[in-house]
Amino acid sequence: MSDERRVRAALDRYQMAYSRLDATAARAVWPSVDRRALERAFGGLASQSISLGQCNVRVNGGSAQADCSGNASWTPRVGGGSQTAARRWRFDLQNTAGEWVIVDAAVR
């Protein structure tokens, strides 16, 4: 499997973890994320769906960047009312012992 495919697999794991509101799975693909803060944020949601959509992946040796354009949909536990918004993600990834992990992520 190529490095680009492995990076995309890491992005898929991020997408699944956030869509399942699973802070432990999110930390597995993004080891430096604050799991407790993420658990609190996820605890305020009844549901969430993340679609990273199209991702432009660039691999440079043991590091990579990915820019993704997609959507996020969520329903708060309190107040209800599902919302959907277009989002852009930027990921910095690193190859650690043969596994690609996220070292930084930003969403707008």
PDB file of N, CA and C in Angstrom:
ATOM      1  N   MET A   1       0.855  -1.177   0.000  1.00  0.00           N
ATOM      2  CA  MET A   1       0.000   0.000   0.000  1.00  0.00           C
ATOM      3  C   MET A   1       0.902   1.242   0.000  1.00  0.00           C
ATOM      4  N   SER A   2       0.575   2.221  -0.818  1.00  0.00           N
ATOM      5  CA  SER A   2       1.377   3.439  -0.914  1.00  0.00           C
ATOM      6  C   SER A   2       1.173   4.311   0.323  1.00  0.00           C
ATOM      7  N   ASP A   3       2.126   5.207   0.558  1.00  0.00           N
ATOM      8  CA  ASP A   3       1.998   6.140   1.683  1.00  0.00           C
ATOM      9  C   ASP A   3       0.740   6.994   1.549  1.00  0.00           C
ATOM     10  N   GLU A   4       0.422   7.415   0.331  1.00  0.00           N
ATOM     11  CA  GLU A   4      -0.784   8.233   0.157  1.00  0.00           C
ATOM     12  C   GLU A   4      -2.026   7.461   0.599  1.00  0.00           C
ATOM     13  N   ARG A   5      -2.091   6.197   0.255  1.00  0.00           N
ATOM     14  CA  ARG A   5      -3.251   5.377   0.666  1.00  0.00           C
ATOM     15  C   ARG A   5      -3.285   5.210   2.180  1.00  0.00           C
ATOM     16  N   ARG A   6      -2.109   5.076   2.787  1.00  0.00           N
ATOM     17  CA  ARG A   6      -2.050   4.948   4.252  1.00  0.00           C
ATOM     18  C   ARG A   6      -2.483   6.247   4.924  1.00  0.00           C
ATOM     19  N   VAL A   7      -2.098   7.381   4.357  1.00  0.00           N
ATOM     20  CA  VAL A   7      -2.551   8.673   4.891  1.00  0.00           C
ATOM     21  C   VAL A   7      -4.071   8.760   4.779  1.00  0.00           C
ATOM     22  N   ARG A   8      -4.597   8.388   3.632  1.00  0.00           N
ATOM     23  CA  ARG A   8      -6.062   8.416   3.451  1.00  0.00           C
ATOM     24  C   ARG A   8      -6.764   7.473   4.435  1.00  0.00           C
ATOM     25  N   ALA A   9      -6.136   6.347   4.743  1.00  0.00           N
ATOM     26  CA  ALA A   9      -6.710   5.422   5.727  1.00  0.00           C
ATOM     27  C   ALA A   9      -6.744   6.074   7.113  1.00  0.00           C
ATOM     28  N   ALA A  10      -5.707   6.834   7.456  1.00  0.00           N
ATOM     29  CA  ALA A  10      -5.698   7.554   8.737  1.00  0.00           C
ATOM     30  C   ALA A  10      -6.814   8.593   8.767  1.00  0.00           C
ATOM     31  N   LEU A  11      -7.016   9.294   7.654  1.00  0.00           N
ATOM     32  CA  LEU A  11      -8.100  10.280   7.578  1.00  0.00           C
ATOM     33  C   LEU A  11      -9.462   9.598   7.712  1.00  0.00           C
ATOM     34  N   ASP A  12      -9.596   8.414   7.131  1.00  0.00           N
ATOM     35  CA  ASP A  12     -10.843   7.646   7.280  1.00  0.00           C
ATOM     36  C   ASP A  12     -11.087   7.287   8.740  1.00  0.00           C
ATOM     37  N   ARG A  13     -10.018   6.910   9.458  1.00  0.00           N
ATOM     38  CA  ARG A  13     -10.170   6.573  10.885  1.00  0.00           C
ATOM     39  C   ARG A  13     -10.596   7.804  11.683  1.00  0.00           C
ATOM     40  N   TYR A  14     -10.048   8.961  11.348  1.00  0.00           N
ATOM     41  CA  TYR A  14     -10.456  10.219  11.998  1.00  0.00           C
ATOM     42  C   TYR A  14     -11.941  10.475  11.742  1.00  0.00           C
ATOM     43  N   GLN A  15     -12.339  10.372  10.487  1.00  0.00           N
ATOM     44  CA  GLN A  15     -13.728  10.620  10.099  1.00  0.00           C
ATOM     45  C   GLN A  15     -14.676   9.683  10.849  1.00  0.00           C
ATOM     46  N   MET A  16     -14.324   8.407  10.933  1.00  0.00           N
ATOM     47  CA  MET A  16     -15.174   7.435  11.629  1.00  0.00           C
ATOM     48  C   MET A  16     -15.230   7.723  13.123  1.00  0.00           C
ATOM     49  N   ALA A  17     -14.096   8.042  13.733  1.00  0.00           N
ATOM     50  CA  ALA A  17     -14.068   8.310  15.173  1.00  0.00           C
ATOM     51  C   ALA A  17     -14.939   9.514  15.519  1.00  0.00           C
ATOM     52  N   TYR A  18     -14.827  10.574  14.740  1.00  0.00           N
ATOM     53  CA  TYR A  18     -15.616  11.779  15.019  1.00  0.00           C
ATOM     54  C   TYR A  18     -17.094  11.553  14.718  1.00  0.00           C
ATOM     55  N   SER A  19     -17.395  10.757  13.722  1.00  0.00           N
ATOM     56  CA  SER A  19     -18.795  10.468  13.402  1.00  0.00           C
ATOM     57  C   SER A  19     -19.431   9.559  14.451  1.00  0.00           C
ATOM     58  N   ARG A  20     -18.633   8.721  15.098  1.00  0.00           N
ATOM     59  CA  ARG A  20     -19.144   7.832  16.147  1.00  0.00           C
ATOM     60  C   ARG A  20     -19.051   8.470  17.531  1.00  0.00           C
ATOM     61  N   LEU A  21     -18.511   9.696  17.596  1.00  0.00           N
ATOM     62  CA  LEU A  21     -18.312  10.386  18.879  1.00  0.00           C
ATOM     63  C   LEU A  21     -17.442   9.538  19.807  1.00  0.00           C
ATOM     64  N   ASP A  22     -16.377   8.974  19.256  1.00  0.00           N
ATOM     65  CA  ASP A  22     -15.502   8.042  19.963  1.00  0.00           C
ATOM     66  C   ASP A  22     -14.144   8.701  20.211  1.00  0.00           C
ATOM     67  N   ALA A  23     -13.985   9.282  21.401  1.00  0.00           N
ATOM     68  CA  ALA A  23     -12.755  10.000  21.727  1.00  0.00           C
ATOM     69  C   ALA A  23     -11.548   9.067  21.787  1.00  0.00           C
ATOM     70  N   THR A  24     -11.735   7.841  22.223  1.00  0.00           N
ATOM     71  CA  THR A  24     -10.626   6.886  22.292  1.00  0.00           C
ATOM     72  C   THR A  24     -10.117   6.551  20.892  1.00  0.00           C
ATOM     73  N   ALA A  25     -11.028   6.320  19.958  1.00  0.00           N
ATOM     74  CA  ALA A  25     -10.626   6.045  18.572  1.00  0.00           C
ATOM     75  C   ALA A  25      -9.979   7.276  17.946  1.00  0.00           C
ATOM     76  N   ALA A  26     -10.475   8.465  18.294  1.00  0.00           N
ATOM     77  CA  ALA A  26      -9.872   9.698  17.777  1.00  0.00           C
ATOM     78  C   ALA A  26      -8.436   9.821  18.273  1.00  0.00           C
ATOM     79  N   ARG A  27      -8.217   9.491  19.534  1.00  0.00           N
ATOM     80  CA  ARG A  27      -6.866   9.590  20.087  1.00  0.00           C
ATOM     81  C   ARG A  27      -5.931   8.563  19.454  1.00  0.00           C
ATOM     82  N   ALA A  28      -6.459   7.430  19.019  1.00  0.00           N
ATOM     83  CA  ALA A  28      -5.618   6.419  18.371  1.00  0.00           C
ATOM     84  C   ALA A  28      -5.026   6.943  17.069  1.00  0.00           C
ATOM     85  N   VAL A  29      -5.773   7.763  16.343  1.00  0.00           N
ATOM     86  CA  VAL A  29      -5.285   8.307  15.072  1.00  0.00           C
ATOM     87  C   VAL A  29      -4.657   9.691  15.261  1.00  0.00           C
ATOM     88  N   TRP A  30      -4.966  10.362  16.378  1.00  0.00           N
ATOM     89  CA  TRP A  30      -4.421  11.688  16.688  1.00  0.00           C
ATOM     90  C   TRP A  30      -3.946  11.648  18.140  1.00  0.00           C
ATOM     91  N   PRO A  31      -2.772  11.056  18.395  1.00  0.00           N
ATOM     92  CA  PRO A  31      -2.314  10.809  19.765  1.00  0.00           C
ATOM     93  C   PRO A  31      -2.207  12.047  20.652  1.00  0.00           C
ATOM     94  N   SER A  32      -1.983  13.216  20.085  1.00  0.00           N
ATOM     95  CA  SER A  32      -1.809  14.416  20.911  1.00  0.00           C
ATOM     96  C   SER A  32      -3.114  15.144  21.220  1.00  0.00           C
ATOM     97  N   VAL A  33      -4.251  14.666  20.696  1.00  0.00           N
ATOM     98  CA  VAL A  33      -5.521  15.337  20.960  1.00  0.00           C
ATOM     99  C   VAL A  33      -5.858  15.191  22.449  1.00  0.00           C
ATOM    100  N   ASP A  34      -6.485  16.200  23.007  1.00  0.00           N
ATOM    101  CA  ASP A  34      -6.908  16.181  24.408  1.00  0.00           C
ATOM    102  C   ASP A  34      -8.173  15.324  24.513  1.00  0.00           C
ATOM    103  N   ARG A  35      -7.995  14.068  24.909  1.00  0.00           N
ATOM    104  CA  ARG A  35      -9.116  13.121  24.937  1.00  0.00           C
ATOM    105  C   ARG A  35     -10.217  13.574  25.878  1.00  0.00           C
ATOM    106  N   ARG A  36      -9.873  14.108  27.041  1.00  0.00           N
ATOM    107  CA  ARG A  36     -10.904  14.550  27.994  1.00  0.00           C
ATOM    108  C   ARG A  36     -11.727  15.698  27.428  1.00  0.00           C
ATOM    109  N   ALA A  37     -11.067  16.660  26.811  1.00  0.00           N
ATOM    110  CA  ALA A  37     -11.799  17.785  26.206  1.00  0.00           C
ATOM    111  C   ALA A  37     -12.695  17.278  25.081  1.00  0.00           C
ATOM    112  N   LEU A  38     -12.186  16.330  24.321  1.00  0.00           N
ATOM    113  CA  LEU A  38     -12.971  15.760  23.228  1.00  0.00           C
ATOM    114  C   LEU A  38     -14.180  14.994  23.771  1.00  0.00           C
ATOM    115  N   GLU A  39     -13.986  14.246  24.863  1.00  0.00           N
ATOM    116  CA  GLU A  39     -15.107  13.536  25.492  1.00  0.00           C
ATOM    117  C   GLU A  39     -16.185  14.516  25.950  1.00  0.00           C
ATOM    118  N   ARG A  40     -15.768  15.647  26.528  1.00  0.00           N
ATOM    119  CA  ARG A  40     -16.741  16.669  26.956  1.00  0.00           C
ATOM    120  C   ARG A  40     -17.494  17.224  25.752  1.00  0.00           C
ATOM    121  N   ALA A  41     -16.769  17.533  24.684  1.00  0.00           N
ATOM    122  CA  ALA A  41     -17.412  18.074  23.478  1.00  0.00           C
ATOM    123  C   ALA A  41     -18.375  17.051  22.886  1.00  0.00           C
ATOM    124  N   PHE A  42     -17.929  15.805  22.775  1.00  0.00           N
ATOM    125  CA  PHE A  42     -18.787  14.754  22.237  1.00  0.00           C
ATOM    126  C   PHE A  42     -19.993  14.516  23.142  1.00  0.00           C
ATOM    127  N   GLY A  43     -19.811  14.672  24.452  1.00  0.00           N
ATOM    128  CA  GLY A  43     -20.903  14.472  25.396  1.00  0.00           C
ATOM    129  C   GLY A  43     -22.047  15.449  25.200  1.00  0.00           C
ATOM    130  N   GLY A  44     -21.772  16.600  24.605  1.00  0.00           N
ATOM    131  CA  GLY A  44     -22.807  17.591  24.344  1.00  0.00           C
ATOM    132  C   GLY A  44     -23.583  17.343  23.063  1.00  0.00           C
ATOM    133  N   LEU A  45     -23.211  16.293  22.347  1.00  0.00           N
ATOM    134  CA  LEU A  45     -23.863  15.996  21.068  1.00  0.00           C
ATOM    135  C   LEU A  45     -24.678  14.714  21.146  1.00  0.00           C
ATOM    136  N   ALA A  46     -25.856  14.741  20.548  1.00  0.00           N
ATOM    137  CA  ALA A  46     -26.659  13.522  20.411  1.00  0.00           C
ATOM    138  C   ALA A  46     -26.141  12.698  19.239  1.00  0.00           C
ATOM    139  N   SER A  47     -25.673  13.385  18.196  1.00  0.00           N
ATOM    140  CA  SER A  47     -25.120  12.699  17.026  1.00  0.00           C
ATOM    141  C   SER A  47     -24.251  13.670  16.240  1.00  0.00           C
ATOM    142  N   GLN A  48     -23.406  13.091  15.404  1.00  0.00           N
ATOM    143  CA  GLN A  48     -22.537  13.887  14.541  1.00  0.00           C
ATOM    144  C   GLN A  48     -22.154  13.030  13.339  1.00  0.00           C
ATOM    145  N   SER A  49     -22.027  13.656  12.205  1.00  0.00           N
ATOM    146  CA  SER A  49     -21.570  12.977  11.003  1.00  0.00           C
ATOM    147  C   SER A  49     -20.553  13.875  10.317  1.00  0.00           C
ATOM    148  N   ILE A  50     -19.379  13.332  10.086  1.00  0.00           N
ATOM    149  CA  ILE A  50     -18.298  14.063   9.428  1.00  0.00           C
ATOM    150  C   ILE A  50     -18.044  13.424   8.071  1.00  0.00           C
ATOM    151  N   SER A  51     -18.001  14.235   7.036  1.00  0.00           N
ATOM    152  CA  SER A  51     -17.633  13.772   5.703  1.00  0.00           C
ATOM    153  C   SER A  51     -16.498  14.656   5.210  1.00  0.00           C
ATOM    154  N   LEU A  52     -15.286  14.104   5.165  1.00  0.00           N
ATOM    155  CA  LEU A  52     -14.130  14.897   4.743  1.00  0.00           C
ATOM    156  C   LEU A  52     -14.172  15.224   3.259  1.00  0.00           C
ATOM    157  N   GLY A  53     -14.961  14.490   2.494  1.00  0.00           N
ATOM    158  CA  GLY A  53     -15.109  14.784   1.068  1.00  0.00           C
ATOM    159  C   GLY A  53     -13.809  14.611   0.312  1.00  0.00           C
ATOM    160  N   GLN A  54     -13.541  15.550  -0.581  1.00  0.00           N
ATOM    161  CA  GLN A  54     -12.330  15.516  -1.404  1.00  0.00           C
ATOM    162  C   GLN A  54     -11.133  15.950  -0.566  1.00  0.00           C
ATOM    163  N   CYS A  55     -10.084  15.142  -0.565  1.00  0.00           N
ATOM    164  CA  CYS A  55      -8.861  15.473   0.165  1.00  0.00           C
ATOM    165  C   CYS A  55      -7.677  15.508  -0.794  1.00  0.00           C
ATOM    166  N   ASN A  56      -6.933  16.589  -0.736  1.00  0.00           N
ATOM    167  CA  ASN A  56      -5.693  16.725  -1.493  1.00  0.00           C
ATOM    168  C   ASN A  56      -4.560  16.329  -0.548  1.00  0.00           C
ATOM    169  N   VAL A  57      -3.914  15.198  -0.818  1.00  0.00           N
ATOM    170  CA  VAL A  57      -2.879  14.652   0.056  1.00  0.00           C
ATOM    171  C   VAL A  57      -1.514  14.855  -0.587  1.00  0.00           C
ATOM    172  N   ARG A  58      -0.568  15.364   0.213  1.00  0.00           N
ATOM    173  CA  ARG A  58       0.812  15.536  -0.223  1.00  0.00           C
ATOM    174  C   ARG A  58       1.732  14.846   0.782  1.00  0.00           C
ATOM    175  N   VAL A  59       2.499  13.877   0.303  1.00  0.00           N
ATOM    176  CA  VAL A  59       3.426  13.141   1.160  1.00  0.00           C
ATOM    177  C   VAL A  59       4.833  13.608   0.839  1.00  0.00           C
ATOM    178  N   ASN A  60       5.616  13.877   1.888  1.00  0.00           N
ATOM    179  CA  ASN A  60       7.003  14.298   1.724  1.00  0.00           C
ATOM    180  C   ASN A  60       7.834  13.528   2.744  1.00  0.00           C
ATOM    181  N   GLY A  61       8.333  12.375   2.331  1.00  0.00           N
ATOM    182  CA  GLY A  61       9.102  11.539   3.248  1.00  0.00           C
ATOM    183  C   GLY A  61       8.224  11.007   4.365  1.00  0.00           C
ATOM    184  N   GLY A  62       8.599  11.331   5.613  1.00  0.00           N
ATOM    185  CA  GLY A  62       7.859  10.849   6.771  1.00  0.00           C
ATOM    186  C   GLY A  62       6.783  11.785   7.258  1.00  0.00           C
ATOM    187  N   SER A  63       6.489  12.823   6.476  1.00  0.00           N
ATOM    188  CA  SER A  63       5.412  13.740   6.868  1.00  0.00           C
ATOM    189  C   SER A  63       4.453  13.914   5.695  1.00  0.00           C
ATOM    190  N   ALA A  64       3.268  14.389   6.015  1.00  0.00           N
ATOM    191  CA  ALA A  64       2.250  14.589   4.976  1.00  0.00           C
ATOM    192  C   ALA A  64       1.305  15.696   5.410  1.00  0.00           C
ATOM    193  N   GLN A  65       0.670  16.297   4.423  1.00  0.00           N
ATOM    194  CA  GLN A  65      -0.392  17.272   4.662  1.00  0.00           C
ATOM    195  C   GLN A  65      -1.592  16.857   3.832  1.00  0.00           C
ATOM    196  N   ALA A  66      -2.768  17.138   4.372  1.00  0.00           N
ATOM    197  CA  ALA A  66      -4.004  16.862   3.645  1.00  0.00           C
ATOM    198  C   ALA A  66      -4.947  18.039   3.842  1.00  0.00           C
ATOM    199  N   ASP A  67      -5.498  18.519   2.754  1.00  0.00           N
ATOM    200  CA  ASP A  67      -6.526  19.558   2.778  1.00  0.00           C
ATOM    201  C   ASP A  67      -7.806  18.923   2.266  1.00  0.00           C
ATOM    202  N   CYS A  68      -8.861  18.990   3.078  1.00  0.00           N
ATOM    203  CA  CYS A  68     -10.120  18.323   2.749  1.00  0.00           C
ATOM    204  C   CYS A  68     -11.270  19.322   2.774  1.00  0.00           C
ATOM    205  N   SER A  69     -12.190  19.167   1.848  1.00  0.00           N
ATOM    206  CA  SER A  69     -13.406  19.987   1.788  1.00  0.00           C
ATOM    207  C   SER A  69     -14.599  19.059   1.894  1.00  0.00           C
ATOM    208  N   GLY A  70     -15.395  19.242   2.944  1.00  0.00           N
ATOM    209  CA  GLY A  70     -16.544  18.370   3.143  1.00  0.00           C
ATOM    210  C   GLY A  70     -17.612  19.036   3.983  1.00  0.00           C
ATOM    211  N   ASN A  71     -18.315  18.216   4.764  1.00  0.00           N
ATOM    212  CA  ASN A  71     -19.427  18.707   5.579  1.00  0.00           C
ATOM    213  C   ASN A  71     -19.404  18.078   6.960  1.00  0.00           C
ATOM    214  N   ALA A  72     -19.953  18.819   7.906  1.00  0.00           N
ATOM    215  CA  ALA A  72     -20.185  18.303   9.250  1.00  0.00           C
ATOM    216  C   ALA A  72     -21.653  18.523   9.574  1.00  0.00           C
ATOM    217  N   SER A  73     -22.283  17.500  10.120  1.00  0.00           N
ATOM    218  CA  SER A  73     -23.668  17.593  10.579  1.00  0.00           C
ATOM    219  C   SER A  73     -23.691  17.161  12.036  1.00  0.00           C
ATOM    220  N   TRP A  74     -24.464  17.866  12.859  1.00  0.00           N
ATOM    221  CA  TRP A  74     -24.510  17.520  14.270  1.00  0.00           C
ATOM    222  C   TRP A  74     -25.856  17.897  14.872  1.00  0.00           C
ATOM    223  N   THR A  75     -26.179  17.196  15.952  1.00  0.00           N
ATOM    224  CA  THR A  75     -27.393  17.467  16.713  1.00  0.00           C
ATOM    225  C   THR A  75     -26.996  17.574  18.179  1.00  0.00           C
ATOM    226  N   PRO A  76     -27.197  18.743  18.792  1.00  0.00           N
ATOM    227  CA  PRO A  76     -26.864  18.879  20.210  1.00  0.00           C
ATOM    228  C   PRO A  76     -27.817  18.056  21.077  1.00  0.00           C
ATOM    229  N   ARG A  77     -27.328  17.621  22.243  1.00  0.00           N
ATOM    230  CA  ARG A  77     -28.180  16.892  23.190  1.00  0.00           C
ATOM    231  C   ARG A  77     -29.269  17.807  23.740  1.00  0.00           C
ATOM    232  N   VAL A  78     -28.910  19.054  23.994  1.00  0.00           N
ATOM    233  CA  VAL A  78     -29.856  20.017  24.556  1.00  0.00           C
ATOM    234  C   VAL A  78     -30.266  20.983  23.455  1.00  0.00           C
ATOM    235  N   GLY A  79     -31.547  21.187  23.310  1.00  0.00           N
ATOM    236  CA  GLY A  79     -32.030  22.146  22.324  1.00  0.00           C
ATOM    237  C   GLY A  79     -32.344  21.538  20.976  1.00  0.00           C
ATOM    238  N   GLY A  80     -31.793  20.348  20.710  1.00  0.00           N
ATOM    239  CA  GLY A  80     -32.087  19.673  19.445  1.00  0.00           C
ATOM    240  C   GLY A  80     -31.740  20.514  18.237  1.00  0.00           C
ATOM    241  N   GLY A  81     -32.357  20.191  17.145  1.00  0.00           N
ATOM    242  CA  GLY A  81     -32.129  20.947  15.918  1.00  0.00           C
ATOM    243  C   GLY A  81     -30.839  20.575  15.233  1.00  0.00           C
ATOM    244  N   SER A  82     -30.914  19.673  14.287  1.00  0.00           N
ATOM    245  CA  SER A  82     -29.728  19.282  13.524  1.00  0.00           C
ATOM    246  C   SER A  82     -29.215  20.449  12.699  1.00  0.00           C
ATOM    247  N   GLN A  83     -27.903  20.501  12.572  1.00  0.00           N
ATOM    248  CA  GLN A  83     -27.258  21.531  11.763  1.00  0.00           C
ATOM    249  C   GLN A  83     -26.251  20.870  10.837  1.00  0.00           C
ATOM    250  N   THR A  84     -26.077  21.468   9.675  1.00  0.00           N
ATOM    251  CA  THR A  84     -25.072  21.005   8.715  1.00  0.00           C
ATOM    252  C   THR A  84     -24.323  22.219   8.201  1.00  0.00           C
ATOM    253  N   ALA A  85     -23.008  22.074   8.072  1.00  0.00           N
ATOM    254  CA  ALA A  85     -22.201  23.184   7.573  1.00  0.00           C
ATOM    255  C   ALA A  85     -21.048  22.642   6.738  1.00  0.00           C
ATOM    256  N   ALA A  86     -20.707  23.379   5.695  1.00  0.00           N
ATOM    257  CA  ALA A  86     -19.519  23.054   4.904  1.00  0.00           C
ATOM    258  C   ALA A  86     -18.293  23.345   5.769  1.00  0.00           C
ATOM    259  N   ARG A  87     -17.318  22.487   5.685  1.00  0.00           N
ATOM    260  CA  ARG A  87     -16.096  22.645   6.471  1.00  0.00           C
ATOM    261  C   ARG A  87     -14.884  22.356   5.599  1.00  0.00           C
ATOM    262  N   ARG A  88     -13.760  22.961   5.996  1.00  0.00           N
ATOM    263  CA  ARG A  88     -12.465  22.684   5.377  1.00  0.00           C
ATOM    264  C   ARG A  88     -11.530  22.255   6.501  1.00  0.00           C
ATOM    265  N   TRP A  89     -10.877  21.129   6.291  1.00  0.00           N
ATOM    266  CA  TRP A  89      -9.935  20.606   7.270  1.00  0.00           C
ATOM    267  C   TRP A  89      -8.530  20.666   6.695  1.00  0.00           C
ATOM    268  N   ARG A  90      -7.573  20.910   7.576  1.00  0.00           N
ATOM    269  CA  ARG A  90      -6.154  20.818   7.200  1.00  0.00           C
ATOM    270  C   ARG A  90      -5.475  19.925   8.226  1.00  0.00           C
ATOM    271  N   PHE A  91      -4.860  18.873   7.745  1.00  0.00           N
ATOM    272  CA  PHE A  91      -4.203  17.906   8.616  1.00  0.00           C
ATOM    273  C   PHE A  91      -2.707  17.887   8.341  1.00  0.00           C
ATOM    274  N   ASP A  92      -1.925  17.804   9.403  1.00  0.00           N
ATOM    275  CA  ASP A  92      -0.505  17.494   9.322  1.00  0.00           C
ATOM    276  C   ASP A  92      -0.354  16.101   9.914  1.00  0.00           C
ATOM    277  N   LEU A  93       0.311  15.228   9.180  1.00  0.00           N
ATOM    278  CA  LEU A  93       0.478  13.848   9.622  1.00  0.00           C
ATOM    279  C   LEU A  93       1.946  13.468   9.629  1.00  0.00           C
ATOM    280  N   GLN A  94       2.245  12.429  10.407  1.00  0.00           N
ATOM    281  CA  GLN A  94       3.610  11.943  10.522  1.00  0.00           C
ATOM    282  C   GLN A  94       3.583  10.423  10.501  1.00  0.00           C
ATOM    283  N   ASN A  95       4.595   9.849   9.861  1.00  0.00           N
ATOM    284  CA  ASN A  95       4.734   8.399   9.840  1.00  0.00           C
ATOM    285  C   ASN A  95       5.533   8.000  11.072  1.00  0.00           C
ATOM    286  N   THR A  96       4.878   7.286  11.984  1.00  0.00           N
ATOM    287  CA  THR A  96       5.510   6.844  13.218  1.00  0.00           C
ATOM    288  C   THR A  96       5.535   5.323  13.230  1.00  0.00           C
ATOM    289  N   ALA A  97       6.725   4.767  13.095  1.00  0.00           N
ATOM    290  CA  ALA A  97       6.898   3.306  13.100  1.00  0.00           C
ATOM    291  C   ALA A  97       5.998   2.628  12.070  1.00  0.00           C
ATOM    292  N   GLY A  98       5.892   3.233  10.889  1.00  0.00           N
ATOM    293  CA  GLY A  98       5.118   2.641   9.805  1.00  0.00           C
ATOM    294  C   GLY A  98       3.636   2.962   9.818  1.00  0.00           C
ATOM    295  N   GLU A  99       3.177   3.711  10.820  1.00  0.00           N
ATOM    296  CA  GLU A  99       1.758   4.072  10.901  1.00  0.00           C
ATOM    297  C   GLU A  99       1.611   5.592  10.801  1.00  0.00           C
ATOM    298  N   TRP A 100       0.710   6.035   9.941  1.00  0.00           N
ATOM    299  CA  TRP A 100       0.457   7.462   9.791  1.00  0.00           C
ATOM    300  C   TRP A 100      -0.520   7.922  10.862  1.00  0.00           C
ATOM    301  N   VAL A 101      -0.116   8.982  11.588  1.00  0.00           N
ATOM    302  CA  VAL A 101      -0.969   9.566  12.622  1.00  0.00           C
ATOM    303  C   VAL A 101      -1.039  11.076  12.404  1.00  0.00           C
ATOM    304  N   ILE A 102      -2.101  11.663  12.905  1.00  0.00           N
ATOM    305  CA  ILE A 102      -2.292  13.109  12.818  1.00  0.00           C
ATOM    306  C   ILE A 102      -1.488  13.766  13.932  1.00  0.00           C
ATOM    307  N   VAL A 103      -0.732  14.811  13.588  1.00  0.00           N
ATOM    308  CA  VAL A 103      -0.010  15.576  14.601  1.00  0.00           C
ATOM    309  C   VAL A 103      -0.652  16.942  14.826  1.00  0.00           C
ATOM    310  N   ASP A 104      -1.439  17.405  13.857  1.00  0.00           N
ATOM    311  CA  ASP A 104      -2.157  18.666  14.020  1.00  0.00           C
ATOM    312  C   ASP A 104      -3.326  18.681  13.042  1.00  0.00           C
ATOM    313  N   ALA A 105      -4.401  19.325  13.460  1.00  0.00           N
ATOM    314  CA  ALA A 105      -5.577  19.446  12.594  1.00  0.00           C
ATOM    315  C   ALA A 105      -6.241  20.785  12.864  1.00  0.00           C
ATOM    316  N   ALA A 106      -6.741  21.397  11.822  1.00  0.00           N
ATOM    317  CA  ALA A 106      -7.485  22.655  11.941  1.00  0.00           C
ATOM    318  C   ALA A 106      -8.716  22.549  11.063  1.00  0.00           C
ATOM    319  N   VAL A 107      -9.818  23.096  11.546  1.00  0.00           N
ATOM    320  CA  VAL A 107     -11.070  23.070  10.785  1.00  0.00           C
ATOM    321  C   VAL A 107     -11.616  24.484  10.707  1.00  0.00           C
ATOM    322  N   ARG A 108     -12.138  24.829   9.514  1.00  0.00           N
ATOM    323  CA  ARG A 108     -12.766  26.136   9.333  1.00  0.00           C
ATOM    324  C   ARG A 108     -14.080  25.921   8.627  1.00  0.00           C
TER     325      ARG A 108
END
